[in-house]
C-alpha atoms as a PDB file:
ATOM      1  CA  MET A   1     -17.823  20.339  10.867  1.00  0.00           C
ATOM      2  CA  GLN A   2     -20.534  18.597   8.878  1.00  0.00           C
ATOM      3  CA  LYS A   3     -22.074  15.527  10.439  1.00  0.00           C
ATOM      4  CA  HIS A   4     -23.720  12.508   8.921  1.00  0.00           C
ATOM      5  CA  PRO A   5     -25.401   9.497  10.569  1.00  0.00           C
ATOM      6  CA  VAL A   6     -23.548   6.209  10.607  1.00  0.00           C
ATOM      7  CA  ASN A   7     -24.183   4.475   7.263  1.00  0.00           C
ATOM      8  CA  SER A   8     -26.221   1.285   7.113  1.00  0.00           C
ATOM      9  CA  ALA A   9     -27.074  -1.092   4.227  1.00  0.00           C
ATOM     10  CA  ASP A  10     -30.695   0.036   4.179  1.00  0.00           C
ATOM     11  CA  SER A  11     -29.877   3.757   3.758  1.00  0.00           C
ATOM     12  CA  LEU A  12     -27.245   3.439   1.018  1.00  0.00           C
ATOM     13  CA  ALA A  13     -27.852   4.517  -2.556  1.00  0.00           C
ATOM     14  CA  ASP A  14     -26.356   2.775  -5.578  1.00  0.00           C
ATOM     15  CA  GLY A  15     -23.095   4.222  -6.797  1.00  0.00           C
ATOM     16  CA  LEU A  16     -19.553   4.901  -5.763  1.00  0.00           C
ATOM     17  CA  SER A  17     -18.142   7.130  -3.006  1.00  0.00           C
ATOM     18  CA  LEU A  18     -14.610   8.424  -3.156  1.00  0.00           C
ATOM     19  CA  CYS A  19     -13.241   8.693   0.405  1.00  0.00           C
ATOM     20  CA  MET A  20     -10.113  10.699   1.123  1.00  0.00           C
ATOM     21  CA  ILE A  21      -8.215  12.032   4.105  1.00  0.00           C
ATOM     22  CA  VAL A  22      -6.099  15.112   3.377  1.00  0.00           C
ATOM     23  CA  ARG A  23      -3.885  17.732   4.887  1.00  0.00           C
ATOM     24  CA  ASN A  24      -2.163  20.574   3.027  1.00  0.00           C
ATOM     25  CA  GLU A  25      -2.760  18.990  -0.393  1.00  0.00           C
ATOM     26  CA  GLU A  26      -3.628  22.055  -2.491  1.00  0.00           C
ATOM     27  CA  LYS A  27      -1.041  21.057  -5.138  1.00  0.00           C
ATOM     28  CA  ASN A  28      -2.074  17.425  -5.543  1.00  0.00           C
ATOM     29  CA  LEU A  29      -5.834  17.442  -4.882  1.00  0.00           C
ATOM     30  CA  PRO A  30      -7.116  18.846  -8.216  1.00  0.00           C
ATOM     31  CA  LYS A  31      -5.258  16.214 -10.282  1.00  0.00           C
ATOM     32  CA  CYS A  32      -6.435  13.428  -8.020  1.00  0.00           C
ATOM     33  CA  ILE A  33     -10.109  14.462  -8.164  1.00  0.00           C
ATOM     34  CA  HIS A  34     -10.073  15.125 -11.897  1.00  0.00           C
ATOM     35  CA  SER A  35      -8.835  11.588 -12.457  1.00  0.00           C
ATOM     36  CA  VAL A  36     -12.080  10.253 -11.039  1.00  0.00           C
ATOM     37  CA  LYS A  37     -14.442  13.058 -12.119  1.00  0.00           C
ATOM     38  CA  ASN A  38     -16.544  10.952 -14.419  1.00  0.00           C
ATOM     39  CA  LEU A  39     -16.424   7.827 -12.211  1.00  0.00           C
ATOM     40  CA  VAL A  40     -17.496   8.595  -8.668  1.00  0.00           C
ATOM     41  CA  ASP A  41     -20.956   9.709  -7.525  1.00  0.00           C
ATOM     42  CA  GLU A  42     -19.800  11.628  -4.463  1.00  0.00           C
ATOM     43  CA  ILE A  43     -16.490  12.835  -2.943  1.00  0.00           C
ATOM     44  CA  ILE A  44     -15.933  12.596   0.809  1.00  0.00           C
ATOM     45  CA  LEU A  45     -13.000  14.744   1.888  1.00  0.00           C
ATOM     46  CA  VAL A  46     -11.857  14.564   5.493  1.00  0.00           C
ATOM     47  CA  ASP A  47      -9.441  17.328   6.347  1.00  0.00           C
ATOM     48  CA  THR A  48      -7.085  16.804   9.358  1.00  0.00           C
ATOM     49  CA  GLY A  49      -5.858  20.358   9.774  1.00  0.00           C
ATOM     50  CA  SER A  50      -4.872  21.980   6.460  1.00  0.00           C
ATOM     51  CA  ARG A  51      -3.351  25.447   6.533  1.00  0.00           C
ATOM     52  CA  ASP A  52      -3.428  25.968   2.787  1.00  0.00           C
ATOM     53  CA  ARG A  53      -6.340  26.056   0.302  1.00  0.00           C
ATOM     54  CA  THR A  54      -7.138  22.325   0.439  1.00  0.00           C
ATOM     55  CA  ILE A  55     -10.611  22.774   1.905  1.00  0.00           C
ATOM     56  CA  GLU A  56     -11.518  25.562  -0.497  1.00  0.00           C
ATOM     57  CA  ILE A  57     -10.283  23.567  -3.488  1.00  0.00           C
ATOM     58  CA  GLY A  58     -12.118  20.472  -2.332  1.00  0.00           C
ATOM     59  CA  ARG A  59     -15.408  22.281  -2.050  1.00  0.00           C
ATOM     60  CA  ASN A  60     -14.939  23.950  -5.492  1.00  0.00           C
ATOM     61  CA  LEU A  61     -14.408  20.531  -6.961  1.00  0.00           C
ATOM     62  CA  GLY A  62     -17.697  19.272  -5.538  1.00  0.00           C
ATOM     63  CA  ALA A  63     -16.485  17.423  -2.427  1.00  0.00           C
ATOM     64  CA  LYS A  64     -18.354  17.115   0.812  1.00  0.00           C
ATOM     65  CA  VAL A  65     -15.749  18.392   3.244  1.00  0.00           C
ATOM     66  CA  PHE A  66     -15.500  17.305   6.826  1.00  0.00           C
ATOM     67  CA  SER A  67     -13.001  18.279   9.549  1.00  0.00           C
ATOM     68  CA  LEU A  68     -11.369  15.895  11.946  1.00  0.00           C
ATOM     69  CA  PRO A  69      -8.626  16.770  14.464  1.00  0.00           C
ATOM     70  CA  TRP A  70      -5.488  14.810  13.783  1.00  0.00           C
ATOM     71  CA  THR A  71      -4.670  12.247  16.566  1.00  0.00           C
ATOM     72  CA  GLY A  72      -1.812  10.385  14.917  1.00  0.00           C
ATOM     73  CA  ASP A  73      -4.026   7.518  13.778  1.00  0.00           C
ATOM     74  CA  PHE A  74      -4.586   7.011  10.017  1.00  0.00           C
ATOM     75  CA  ALA A  75      -7.091   4.179  10.478  1.00  0.00           C
ATOM     76  CA  ARG A  76      -9.290   6.400  12.681  1.00  0.00           C
ATOM     77  CA  ALA A  77      -9.326   9.149  10.043  1.00  0.00           C
ATOM     78  CA  ARG A  78      -9.996   6.656   7.260  1.00  0.00           C
ATOM     79  CA  ASN A  79     -12.888   5.088   9.201  1.00  0.00           C
ATOM     80  CA  PHE A  80     -14.362   8.534   9.858  1.00  0.00           C
ATOM     81  CA  SER A  81     -14.415   9.118   6.111  1.00  0.00           C
ATOM     82  CA  LEU A  82     -16.160   5.803   5.507  1.00  0.00           C
ATOM     83  CA  VAL A  83     -18.955   6.669   7.932  1.00  0.00           C
ATOM     84  CA  GLN A  84     -19.789   9.757   5.768  1.00  0.00           C
ATOM     85  CA  ALA A  85     -20.136   7.746   2.533  1.00  0.00           C
ATOM     86  CA  THR A  86     -23.715   7.240   1.248  1.00  0.00           C
ATOM     87  CA  LYS A  87     -23.089   4.922  -1.750  1.00  0.00           C
ATOM     88  CA  THR A  88     -22.951   1.148  -1.926  1.00  0.00           C
ATOM     89  CA  TRP A  89     -19.286   1.049  -3.014  1.00  0.00           C
ATOM     90  CA  ILE A  90     -16.287   2.930  -1.732  1.00  0.00           C
ATOM     91  CA  LEU A  91     -13.053   3.912  -3.483  1.00  0.00           C
ATOM     92  CA  VAL A  92     -10.159   5.131  -1.328  1.00  0.00           C
ATOM     93  CA  LEU A  93      -7.404   7.361  -2.706  1.00  0.00           C
ATOM     94  CA  ASP A  94      -4.745   9.662  -1.326  1.00  0.00           C
ATOM     95  CA  ALA A  95      -4.265  13.110  -2.801  1.00  0.00           C
ATOM     96  CA  ASP A  96      -0.968  12.175  -4.481  1.00  0.00           C
ATOM     97  CA  GLU A  97      -2.612   9.259  -6.311  1.00  0.00           C
ATOM     98  CA  THR A  98      -4.600   9.143  -9.570  1.00  0.00           C
ATOM     99  CA  LEU A  99      -6.630   6.611 -11.500  1.00  0.00           C
ATOM    100  CA  ARG A 100      -6.300   5.985 -15.259  1.00  0.00           C
ATOM    101  CA  SER A 101      -9.374   7.253 -17.113  1.00  0.00           C
ATOM    102  CA  HIS A 102      -9.476   4.395 -19.623  1.00  0.00           C
ATOM    103  CA  GLU A 103      -9.988   2.003 -16.690  1.00  0.00           C
ATOM    104  CA  HIS A 104     -13.156   3.715 -15.426  1.00  0.00           C
ATOM    105  CA  SER A 105     -15.322   1.477 -17.508  1.00  0.00           C
ATOM    106  CA  LEU A 106     -13.869  -1.613 -15.893  1.00  0.00           C
ATOM    107  CA  ILE A 107     -14.525  -0.224 -12.391  1.00  0.00           C
ATOM    108  CA  LYS A 108     -18.114   0.576 -13.352  1.00  0.00           C
ATOM    109  CA  GLU A 109     -18.522  -2.930 -14.651  1.00  0.00           C
ATOM    110  CA  LEU A 110     -17.157  -4.432 -11.464  1.00  0.00           C
ATOM    111  CA  ILE A 111     -19.380  -2.532  -9.090  1.00  0.00           C
ATOM    112  CA  SER A 112     -22.513  -2.905 -11.205  1.00  0.00           C
ATOM    113  CA  GLY A 113     -22.149  -6.617 -11.701  1.00  0.00           C
ATOM    114  CA  ASN A 114     -23.102  -9.502  -9.444  1.00  0.00           C
ATOM    115  CA  LEU A 115     -19.644 -10.858  -8.689  1.00  0.00           C
ATOM    116  CA  PRO A 116     -19.596 -12.779  -5.413  1.00  0.00           C
ATOM    117  CA  CYS A 117     -16.945 -10.627  -3.755  1.00  0.00           C
ATOM    118  CA  GLU A 118     -16.769  -7.823  -1.220  1.00  0.00           C
ATOM    119  CA  GLY A 119     -13.815  -5.894  -2.578  1.00  0.00           C
ATOM    120  CA  PHE A 120     -11.004  -5.714  -5.089  1.00  0.00           C
ATOM    121  CA  TYR A 121      -7.230  -5.493  -4.904  1.00  0.00           C
ATOM    122  CA  LEU A 122      -6.085  -2.678  -7.140  1.00  0.00           C
ATOM    123  CA  LYS A 123      -2.573  -2.351  -8.615  1.00  0.00           C
ATOM    124  CA  LEU A 124      -0.715   0.378  -6.713  1.00  0.00           C
ATOM    125  CA  VAL A 125       2.173   1.713  -8.791  1.00  0.00           C
ATOM    126  CA  ASN A 126       4.735   3.592  -6.642  1.00  0.00           C
ATOM    127  CA  TYR A 127       7.012   5.726  -8.758  1.00  0.00           C
ATOM    128  CA  PHE A 128      10.521   6.429  -7.403  1.00  0.00           C
ATOM    129  CA  SER A 129      11.949   8.595 -10.185  1.00  0.00           C
ATOM    130  CA  ASN A 130      10.903  10.281 -13.436  1.00  0.00           C
ATOM    131  CA  TYR A 131      12.127   7.216 -15.308  1.00  0.00           C
ATOM    132  CA  PRO A 132       8.851   5.587 -16.307  1.00  0.00           C
ATOM    133  CA  ASP A 133       9.820   1.972 -15.414  1.00  0.00           C
ATOM    134  CA  ASP A 134      11.288   2.816 -12.021  1.00  0.00           C
ATOM    135  CA  TYR A 135       8.411   1.680  -9.783  1.00  0.00           C
ATOM    136  CA  THR A 136       7.238  -0.958  -7.388  1.00  0.00           C
ATOM    137  CA  ILE A 137       3.927  -2.796  -7.570  1.00  0.00           C
ATOM    138  CA  ASP A 138       1.737  -3.455  -4.602  1.00  0.00           C
ATOM    139  CA  ALA A 139      -1.788  -4.924  -4.195  1.00  0.00           C
ATOM    140  CA  VAL A 140      -4.070  -2.746  -2.096  1.00  0.00           C
ATOM    141  CA  CYS A 141      -7.737  -3.189  -1.285  1.00  0.00           C
ATOM    142  CA  ARG A 142      -9.066   0.272  -2.137  1.00  0.00           C
ATOM    143  CA  LEU A 143     -12.446  -0.638  -3.770  1.00  0.00           C
ATOM    144  CA  PHE A 144     -14.898  -2.380  -1.539  1.00  0.00           C
ATOM    145  CA  LYS A 145     -18.505  -2.522  -0.443  1.00  0.00           C
ATOM    146  CA  ASN A 146     -19.744   0.051   2.039  1.00  0.00           C
ATOM    147  CA  LYS A 147     -20.541  -1.937   5.118  1.00  0.00           C
ATOM    148  CA  PRO A 148     -20.178  -0.916   8.752  1.00  0.00           C
ATOM    149  CA  GLN A 149     -18.312  -4.179   9.474  1.00  0.00           C
ATOM    150  CA  TYR A 150     -15.474  -3.179   7.157  1.00  0.00           C
ATOM    151  CA  ARG A 151     -13.016  -0.847   8.844  1.00  0.00           C
ATOM    152  CA  PHE A 152      -9.363   0.058   8.581  1.00  0.00           C
ATOM    153  CA  SER A 153      -6.805  -1.011  11.176  1.00  0.00           C
ATOM    154  CA  GLY A 154      -3.263   0.187  11.803  1.00  0.00           C
ATOM    155  CA  SER A 155      -2.268   3.652  12.889  1.00  0.00           C
ATOM    156  CA  VAL A 156       0.301   3.711  10.004  1.00  0.00           C
ATOM    157  CA  HIS A 157       0.164   1.732   6.740  1.00  0.00           C
ATOM    158  CA  GLU A 158      -3.447   1.130   7.508  1.00  0.00           C
ATOM    159  CA  SER A 159      -5.422  -1.577   5.755  1.00  0.00           C
ATOM    160  CA  ILE A 160      -9.016  -2.644   5.444  1.00  0.00           C
ATOM    161  CA  ALA A 161      -8.403  -6.072   3.894  1.00  0.00           C
ATOM    162  CA  PRO A 162      -8.019  -7.869   7.294  1.00  0.00           C
ATOM    163  CA  SER A 163     -11.411  -6.634   8.386  1.00  0.00           C
ATOM    164  CA  ILE A 164     -13.093  -7.845   5.165  1.00  0.00           C
ATOM    165  CA  ILE A 165     -11.295 -11.168   5.195  1.00  0.00           C
ATOM    166  CA  ASN A 166     -12.137 -11.788   8.868  1.00  0.00           C
ATOM    167  CA  TYR A 167     -15.793 -11.191   8.055  1.00  0.00           C
ATOM    168  CA  GLN A 168     -16.102 -12.925   4.688  1.00  0.00           C
ATOM    169  CA  GLY A 169     -13.002 -15.116   4.081  1.00  0.00           C
ATOM    170  CA  ASN A 170      -9.884 -14.860   1.859  1.00  0.00           C
ATOM    171  CA  SER A 171     -11.690 -15.369  -1.443  1.00  0.00           C
ATOM    172  CA  CYS A 172     -13.949 -12.348  -1.001  1.00  0.00           C
ATOM    173  CA  ILE A 173     -11.344  -9.898  -2.344  1.00  0.00           C
ATOM    174  CA  ARG A 174     -10.327 -10.292  -5.931  1.00  0.00           C
ATOM    175  CA  PRO A 175      -7.405  -8.795  -7.858  1.00  0.00           C
ATOM    176  CA  VAL A 176      -8.227  -6.637 -10.894  1.00  0.00           C
ATOM    177  CA  GLU A 177      -6.072  -4.861 -13.448  1.00  0.00           C
ATOM    178  CA  VAL A 178      -6.971  -1.369 -12.241  1.00  0.00           C
ATOM    179  CA  HIS A 179      -3.991   0.891 -11.616  1.00  0.00           C
ATOM    180  CA  ILE A 180      -3.488   3.558  -8.905  1.00  0.00           C
ATOM    181  CA  ASP A 181      -0.594   5.788  -9.871  1.00  0.00           C
ATOM    182  CA  HIS A 182       1.234   7.070  -6.777  1.00  0.00           C
ATOM    183  CA  ARG A 183       3.827   9.771  -7.204  1.00  0.00           C
ATOM    184  CA  GLY A 184       4.257  10.803  -3.589  1.00  0.00           C
ATOM    185  CA  TYR A 185       7.721   9.219  -3.377  1.00  0.00           C
ATOM    186  CA  LEU A 186       9.132  11.605  -5.959  1.00  0.00           C
ATOM    187  CA  ASN A 187       9.335  14.453  -3.409  1.00  0.00           C
ATOM    188  CA  GLN A 188      12.217  13.224  -1.256  1.00  0.00           C
ATOM    189  CA  SER A 189      12.121  16.096   1.278  1.00  0.00           C
ATOM    190  CA  LEU A 190       8.400  15.551   1.866  1.00  0.00           C
ATOM    191  CA  LEU A 191       8.949  11.794   2.007  1.00  0.00           C
ATOM    192  CA  LYS A 192      11.466  12.250   4.825  1.00  0.00           C
ATOM    193  CA  GLN A 193       9.057  14.408   6.765  1.00  0.00           C
ATOM    194  CA  LYS A 194       6.287  11.831   6.419  1.00  0.00           C
ATOM    195  CA  SER A 195       8.650   9.041   7.419  1.00  0.00           C
ATOM    196  CA  ALA A 196       9.724  10.960  10.580  1.00  0.00           C
ATOM    197  CA  ARG A 197       6.054  11.487  11.437  1.00  0.00           C
ATOM    198  CA  ASN A 198       5.226   7.837  10.922  1.00  0.00           C
ATOM    199  CA  ILE A 199       8.109   6.709  13.085  1.00  0.00           C
ATOM    200  CA  ASN A 200       6.914   8.939  15.935  1.00  0.00           C
ATOM    201  CA  ILE A 201       3.448   7.404  15.671  1.00  0.00           C
ATOM    202  CA  LEU A 202       4.897   3.904  15.576  1.00  0.00           C
ATOM    203  CA  ASP A 203       7.070   4.602  18.596  1.00  0.00           C
ATOM    204  CA  LEU A 204       3.940   5.421  20.603  1.00  0.00           C
ATOM    205  CA  GLU A 205       2.231   2.300  19.349  1.00  0.00           C
ATOM    206  CA  ALA A 206       5.256   0.160  20.317  1.00  0.00           C
ATOM    207  CA  ALA A 207       5.225   1.577  23.818  1.00  0.00           C
ATOM    208  CA  ASN A 208       1.640   0.325  24.264  1.00  0.00           C
ATOM    209  CA  ASN A 209       2.047  -2.956  22.395  1.00  0.00           C
ATOM    210  CA  PRO A 210       5.727  -3.925  21.860  1.00  0.00           C
ATOM    211  CA  THR A 211       4.907  -7.362  20.406  1.00  0.00           C
ATOM    212  CA  ASP A 212       2.506  -6.185  17.716  1.00  0.00           C
ATOM    213  CA  ALA A 213       3.964  -7.838  14.573  1.00  0.00           C
ATOM    214  CA  TYR A 214       2.417  -5.468  12.056  1.00  0.00           C
ATOM    215  CA  ASN A 215       3.637  -2.427  14.010  1.00  0.00           C
ATOM    216  CA  LEU A 216       7.202  -3.894  13.976  1.00  0.00           C
ATOM    217  CA  TYR A 217       6.903  -4.473  10.255  1.00  0.00           C
ATOM    218  CA  ALA A 218       5.686  -0.908   9.656  1.00  0.00           C
ATOM    219  CA  MET A 219       8.603   0.455  11.694  1.00  0.00           C
ATOM    220  CA  GLY A 220      11.039  -1.654   9.801  1.00  0.00           C
ATOM    221  CA  THR A 221       9.643  -0.417   6.517  1.00  0.00           C
ATOM    222  CA  GLU A 222      10.047   3.234   7.597  1.00  0.00           C
ATOM    223  CA  LEU A 223      13.613   2.632   8.684  1.00  0.00           C
ATOM    224  CA  PHE A 224      14.219   0.718   5.416  1.00  0.00           C
ATOM    225  CA  GLN A 225      13.019   3.663   3.368  1.00  0.00           C
ATOM    226  CA  GLN A 226      15.315   5.966   5.286  1.00  0.00           C
ATOM    227  CA  GLY A 227      18.299   3.768   4.489  1.00  0.00           C
ATOM    228  CA  ASN A 228      18.755   2.683   8.126  1.00  0.00           C
ATOM    229  CA  TYR A 229      19.250  -0.962   7.135  1.00  0.00           C
ATOM    230  CA  GLU A 230      20.788  -2.195  10.378  1.00  0.00           C
ATOM    231  CA  ASP A 231      17.884  -1.071  12.587  1.00  0.00           C
ATOM    232  CA  ALA A 232      15.395  -2.097   9.885  1.00  0.00           C
ATOM    233  CA  LEU A 233      16.876  -5.589   9.889  1.00  0.00           C
ATOM    234  CA  THR A 234      16.370  -5.801  13.632  1.00  0.00           C
ATOM    235  CA  GLN A 235      12.707  -4.870  13.296  1.00  0.00           C
ATOM    236  CA  PHE A 236      12.138  -7.353  10.514  1.00  0.00           C
ATOM    237  CA  ARG A 237      13.744 -10.200  12.456  1.00  0.00           C
ATOM    238  CA  GLN A 238      11.311  -9.494  15.341  1.00  0.00           C
ATOM    239  CA  THR A 239       8.435  -9.286  12.860  1.00  0.00           C
ATOM    240  CA  LEU A 240       9.319 -12.648  11.389  1.00  0.00           C
ATOM    241  CA  SER A 241       9.480 -14.312  14.799  1.00  0.00           C
ATOM    242  CA  LEU A 242       5.934 -13.121  15.522  1.00  0.00           C
ATOM    243  CA  SER A 243       4.162 -13.167  12.203  1.00  0.00           C
ATOM    244  CA  ALA A 244       5.506 -16.086  10.095  1.00  0.00           C
ATOM    245  CA  GLY A 245       2.756 -16.994   7.641  1.00  0.00           C
ATOM    246  CA  SER A 246       1.086 -13.581   7.619  1.00  0.00           C
ATOM    247  CA  ASN A 247       0.479 -11.496   4.540  1.00  0.00           C
ATOM    248  CA  VAL A 248       3.656  -9.458   5.089  1.00  0.00           C
ATOM    249  CA  THR A 249       5.991 -12.443   5.482  1.00  0.00           C
ATOM    250  CA  ALA A 250       7.163 -12.516   1.852  1.00  0.00           C
ATOM    251  CA  ASP A 251       7.934  -8.785   1.902  1.00  0.00           C
ATOM    252  CA  VAL A 252       9.813  -9.239   5.203  1.00  0.00           C
ATOM    253  CA  TYR A 253      12.093 -11.853   3.575  1.00  0.00           C
ATOM    254  CA  PHE A 254      12.657  -9.537   0.594  1.00  0.00           C
ATOM    255  CA  LYS A 255      13.490  -6.488   2.650  1.00  0.00           C
ATOM    256  CA  MET A 256      15.691  -8.469   5.014  1.00  0.00           C
ATOM    257  CA  ALA A 257      17.728  -9.703   2.094  1.00  0.00           C
ATOM    258  CA  VAL A 258      18.052  -6.158   0.740  1.00  0.00           C
ATOM    259  CA  CYS A 259      19.285  -4.997   4.154  1.00  0.00           C
ATOM    260  CA  CYS A 260      21.943  -7.749   4.181  1.00  0.00           C
ATOM    261  CA  LEU A 261      22.940  -6.756   0.680  1.00  0.00           C
ATOM    262  CA  GLU A 262      23.413  -3.114   1.727  1.00  0.00           C
ATOM    263  CA  LEU A 263      25.238  -4.059   4.887  1.00  0.00           C
ATOM    264  CA  ALA A 264      27.520  -6.503   3.033  1.00  0.00           C
ATOM    265  CA  GLN A 265      26.246  -9.414   5.133  1.00  0.00           C
ATOM    266  CA  TYR A 266      26.205 -11.663   2.128  1.00  0.00           C
ATOM    267  CA  GLN A 267      26.171 -15.107   3.739  1.00  0.00           C
ATOM    268  CA  GLN A 268      23.403 -14.058   6.183  1.00  0.00           C
ATOM    269  CA  GLY A 269      21.445 -12.733   3.236  1.00  0.00           C
ATOM    270  CA  LEU A 270      21.739 -16.006   1.345  1.00  0.00           C
ATOM    271  CA  LYS A 271      20.586 -17.907   4.418  1.00  0.00           C
ATOM    272  CA  ILE A 272      17.529 -15.637   4.691  1.00  0.00           C
ATOM    273  CA  LEU A 273      16.728 -16.024   1.020  1.00  0.00           C
ATOM    274  CA  LYS A 274      16.877 -19.795   1.183  1.00  0.00           C
ATOM    275  CA  GLN A 275      14.300 -19.757   3.974  1.00  0.00           C
ATOM    276  CA  GLY A 276      12.075 -17.431   1.984  1.00  0.00           C
ATOM    277  CA  GLN A 277      12.414 -19.379  -1.260  1.00  0.00           C
ATOM    278  CA  ASN A 278      11.273 -22.575   0.450  1.00  0.00           C
ATOM    279  CA  ILE A 279       8.048 -20.792   1.464  1.00  0.00           C
ATOM    280  CA  PHE A 280       7.533 -18.609  -1.597  1.00  0.00           C
ATOM    281  CA  PRO A 281       9.033 -20.524  -4.557  1.00  0.00           C
ATOM    282  CA  ASP A 282       7.224 -18.268  -7.165  1.00  0.00           C
ATOM    283  CA  PHE A 283       8.498 -14.972  -5.644  1.00  0.00           C
ATOM    284  CA  THR A 284      10.975 -14.012  -8.350  1.00  0.00           C
ATOM    285  CA  GLY A 285      12.321 -11.177  -6.211  1.00  0.00           C
ATOM    286  CA  LEU A 286      13.993 -13.594  -3.782  1.00  0.00           C
ATOM    287  CA  TRP A 287      15.869 -15.288  -6.601  1.00  0.00           C
ATOM    288  CA  TYR A 288      16.855 -11.955  -8.094  1.00  0.00           C
ATOM    289  CA  LEU A 289      18.356 -10.886  -4.776  1.00  0.00           C
ATOM    290  CA  GLN A 290      20.239 -14.181  -4.533  1.00  0.00           C
ATOM    291  CA  GLY A 291      21.908 -13.278  -7.831  1.00  0.00           C
ATOM    292  CA  MET A 292      22.793  -9.834  -6.405  1.00  0.00           C
ATOM    293  CA  LEU A 293      24.363 -11.378  -3.346  1.00  0.00           C
ATOM    294  CA  GLU A 294      26.420 -13.780  -5.422  1.00  0.00           C
ATOM    295  CA  PHE A 295      27.451 -10.985  -7.787  1.00  0.00           C
ATOM    296  CA  ARG A 296      28.652  -8.792  -4.859  1.00  0.00           C
ATOM    297  CA  GLN A 297      30.885 -11.626  -3.758  1.00  0.00           C
ATOM    298  CA  GLY A 298      32.440 -12.028  -7.237  1.00  0.00           C
ATOM    299  CA  ASN A 299      30.596 -15.264  -7.987  1.00  0.00           C
ATOM    300  CA  TYR A 300      29.668 -14.055 -11.493  1.00  0.00           C
ATOM    301  CA  GLN A 301      28.868 -17.398 -13.121  1.00  0.00           C
ATOM    302  CA  GLN A 302      26.582 -18.318 -10.207  1.00  0.00           C
ATOM    303  CA  ALA A 303      24.905 -14.882 -10.398  1.00  0.00           C
ATOM    304  CA  ALA A 304      24.300 -15.275 -14.141  1.00  0.00           C
ATOM    305  CA  ARG A 305      22.858 -18.727 -13.653  1.00  0.00           C
ATOM    306  CA  ILE A 306      20.424 -17.451 -11.059  1.00  0.00           C
ATOM    307  CA  TRP A 307      19.400 -14.416 -13.042  1.00  0.00           C
ATOM    308  CA  GLN A 308      18.688 -16.644 -16.032  1.00  0.00           C
ATOM    309  CA  GLN A 309      16.347 -18.525 -13.705  1.00  0.00           C
ATOM    310  CA  THR A 310      14.597 -15.276 -12.815  1.00  0.00           C
ATOM    311  CA  LEU A 311      14.140 -14.500 -16.463  1.00  0.00           C
ATOM    312  CA  ASP A 312      12.583 -17.944 -16.958  1.00  0.00           C
ATOM    313  CA  MET A 313      10.240 -17.218 -14.043  1.00  0.00           C
ATOM    314  CA  GLY A 314       9.210 -13.737 -15.119  1.00  0.00           C
ATOM    315  CA  ASP A 315       7.732 -11.130 -12.803  1.00  0.00           C
ATOM    316  CA  PRO A 316       5.850 -12.652  -9.821  1.00  0.00           C
ATOM    317  CA  PRO A 317       2.051 -12.460  -9.395  1.00  0.00           C
ATOM    318  CA  TRP A 318       1.433  -8.807  -8.511  1.00  0.00           C
ATOM    319  CA  HIS A 319      -1.536  -9.562  -6.250  1.00  0.00           C
ATOM    320  CA  ARG A 320       0.617 -11.829  -4.030  1.00  0.00           C
ATOM    321  CA  TYR A 321       3.884  -9.911  -3.736  1.00  0.00           C
ATOM    322  CA  THR A 322       5.345  -6.436  -3.566  1.00  0.00           C
ATOM    323  CA  PHE A 323       8.276  -6.063  -5.910  1.00  0.00           C
ATOM    324  CA  PRO A 324      10.185  -3.658  -8.159  1.00  0.00           C
ATOM    325  CA  TYR A 325       8.867  -3.768 -11.717  1.00  0.00           C
ATOM    326  CA  GLY A 326      11.144  -5.660 -14.092  1.00  0.00           C
ATOM    327  CA  ILE A 327      12.705  -8.019 -11.586  1.00  0.00           C
ATOM    328  CA  GLY A 328      11.780 -10.993 -13.787  1.00  0.00           C
ATOM    329  CA  THR A 329      12.549  -9.186 -17.063  1.00  0.00           C
ATOM    330  CA  TYR A 330      14.825  -6.273 -17.885  1.00  0.00           C
ATOM    331  CA  LEU A 331      16.496  -5.887 -14.435  1.00  0.00           C
ATOM    332  CA  SER A 332      17.700  -9.486 -14.480  1.00  0.00           C
ATOM    333  CA  LEU A 333      18.642  -9.223 -18.122  1.00  0.00           C
END
């Protein structure tokens, strides 16, 4: 295993480091790295136990490869990769993600300018089928300054934004129209394996800290993706009781309403949506789901009236909410 001293501001060189953690990604890795080939100045690849040609491919593509035993903690692996970076800015990608080449110039402009910010929210596009408009949009902080104070937290669904915000304040991370295309959800069998792995990790976390709101939210999300809406709803209710006002609250209301829709608990779903709408009046997704709940009950005129309202609202601000693309446009229409 290669070693590198802990980075410090004084020892960093100008430029951009790509930091990745990988395992058995020989099929995805070349496409990911080629998508940033003319953008990044170094590639940090942390392998957590590959049994295929991932390490060989990474080295052939110019990556600095490090090995780290897998301990069931994504944040730990992410942070290990950050320590190896030697450039002033860091870009984080997974092997099943790519950047769009025509947006490279914007990234270069962002990191070479003097904007008073510490990081950027990029537009994560999660594709769920081969239909080009079947995707969700999520804001993720994947481009940020290389500082030892900034570290990931969360064993699953890890995030670095809380660390940066705690150190510099909410306004220090800005949204930018840079897309990360994620196609990992297209492989359903692999998705189920990853979800089962994540649930095992979260079970261990829950045993040590049963009242951790983010852990409950992460568990609810995994169950939600598996179609286990009843247990997911239970997790989300607990999350809401512990984390009202946090950055996941809007998504909790949205997913709870979807669970009620799938479980035919229509009145409960409408009650949940009313609460969410009072807090997040510009979150179009909550109004769209209200129309769905009315429609399922045969209240067609009411559903049509609400969907017309969602059309008037349009899609919600992508940097504030996670939502299926088209909720404020063609889906409602």
